Protein backbone atom coordinates (compact mmCIF):
# COMPACT_ATOMS: atom_id res chain seq x y z
CA MET A 1 83.92 119.20 167.83
CA ARG A 2 83.75 116.45 170.65
CA CYS A 3 86.74 114.17 170.84
CA ALA A 4 88.25 111.36 172.82
CA ILE A 5 92.02 110.49 173.68
CA ILE A 6 92.26 106.66 173.48
CA SER A 7 95.19 104.46 174.46
CA ARG A 8 96.25 101.57 172.14
CA ALA A 9 94.64 99.41 174.79
CA GLY A 10 91.31 101.06 174.24
CA GLN A 11 91.28 103.04 177.49
CA VAL A 12 89.69 106.61 177.06
CA LEU A 13 92.20 108.94 178.58
CA ALA A 14 90.36 112.02 178.18
CA ASN A 15 87.31 113.60 176.48
CA GLY A 16 87.01 117.05 175.34
CA SER A 17 86.62 119.43 172.54
CA LEU A 18 89.23 120.64 169.77
CA LEU A 19 89.53 124.44 169.69
CA LEU A 20 91.21 127.03 167.41
CA LYS A 21 92.62 129.85 169.27
CA GLN A 22 94.50 133.02 168.07
CA ASP A 23 97.65 133.60 170.07
CA ASP A 24 99.27 136.98 170.99
CA ASN A 25 101.07 136.94 167.74
CA GLY A 26 97.84 136.71 165.76
CA GLU A 27 98.69 133.02 164.69
CA TRP A 28 96.09 130.41 165.09
CA ARG A 29 96.81 127.23 166.90
CA LEU A 30 94.93 123.87 167.43
CA HIS A 31 94.26 123.10 171.09
CA LEU A 32 92.36 120.47 173.01
CA LYS A 33 90.25 121.50 175.98
CA THR A 34 89.51 118.31 178.28
CA ASP A 35 85.97 118.11 180.21
CA GLY A 36 88.15 118.50 183.16
CA GLY A 37 89.04 122.05 182.13
CA LYS A 38 92.66 121.29 180.98
CA LEU A 39 94.03 123.24 177.99
CA ILE A 40 96.41 121.29 175.99
CA GLN A 41 98.26 123.41 173.70
CA GLY A 42 99.13 122.47 169.90
CA GLY A 43 100.90 123.90 167.41
CA VAL A 44 100.53 126.87 164.63
CA ILE A 45 98.16 126.08 161.95
CA GLY A 46 99.85 126.69 158.62
CA PRO A 47 98.98 129.77 156.52
CA ASP A 48 97.05 127.34 153.96
CA GLY A 49 95.06 125.80 156.71
CA ASP A 50 97.21 122.70 157.00
CA LEU A 51 96.87 121.11 160.51
CA THR A 52 99.87 118.57 160.21
CA ALA A 53 102.41 120.42 162.09
CA ALA A 54 99.84 121.72 164.63
CA SER A 55 98.49 118.11 165.12
CA GLN A 56 101.91 116.60 165.41
CA ILE A 57 102.61 119.12 168.43
CA LEU A 58 99.33 118.40 169.86
CA PHE A 59 100.13 114.68 169.93
CA ARG A 60 103.74 115.44 171.34
CA GLN A 61 101.71 117.33 174.36
CA PHE A 62 99.64 114.10 174.63
CA PHE A 63 102.93 112.02 175.21
CA GLU A 64 104.18 114.47 177.69
CA ILE A 65 100.84 114.37 179.75
CA TRP A 66 100.04 110.58 179.50
CA GLY A 67 103.70 109.06 178.77
CA MET A 68 102.27 107.11 175.93
CA SER A 69 102.84 106.96 172.22
CA ASP A 70 100.24 105.40 169.63
CA LEU A 71 97.39 107.34 171.06
CA THR A 72 94.08 107.70 168.81
CA LEU A 73 92.28 111.03 168.53
CA THR A 74 88.51 110.28 167.68
CA VAL A 75 86.45 113.16 166.73
CA THR A 76 82.71 113.24 166.68
CA VAL A 77 80.96 116.10 164.45
CA ARG A 78 77.20 116.64 165.59
């Protein structure tokens, strides 16, 4: 899944791919790996497959990295 992180001004901050990775505790997490090779770690995916909490944590990481809120994540599935 290809994606882009876009600022509210429309600037593309990063391109990359969404990933699901299993951590050392056996829990699945949502991550973003940028084309530049940076792995941005998101949260744990709910036992029912719900991505809400995982994506909220991922967006908090975006804020830490870029210092902006109201970012948009666009996803392209091919």
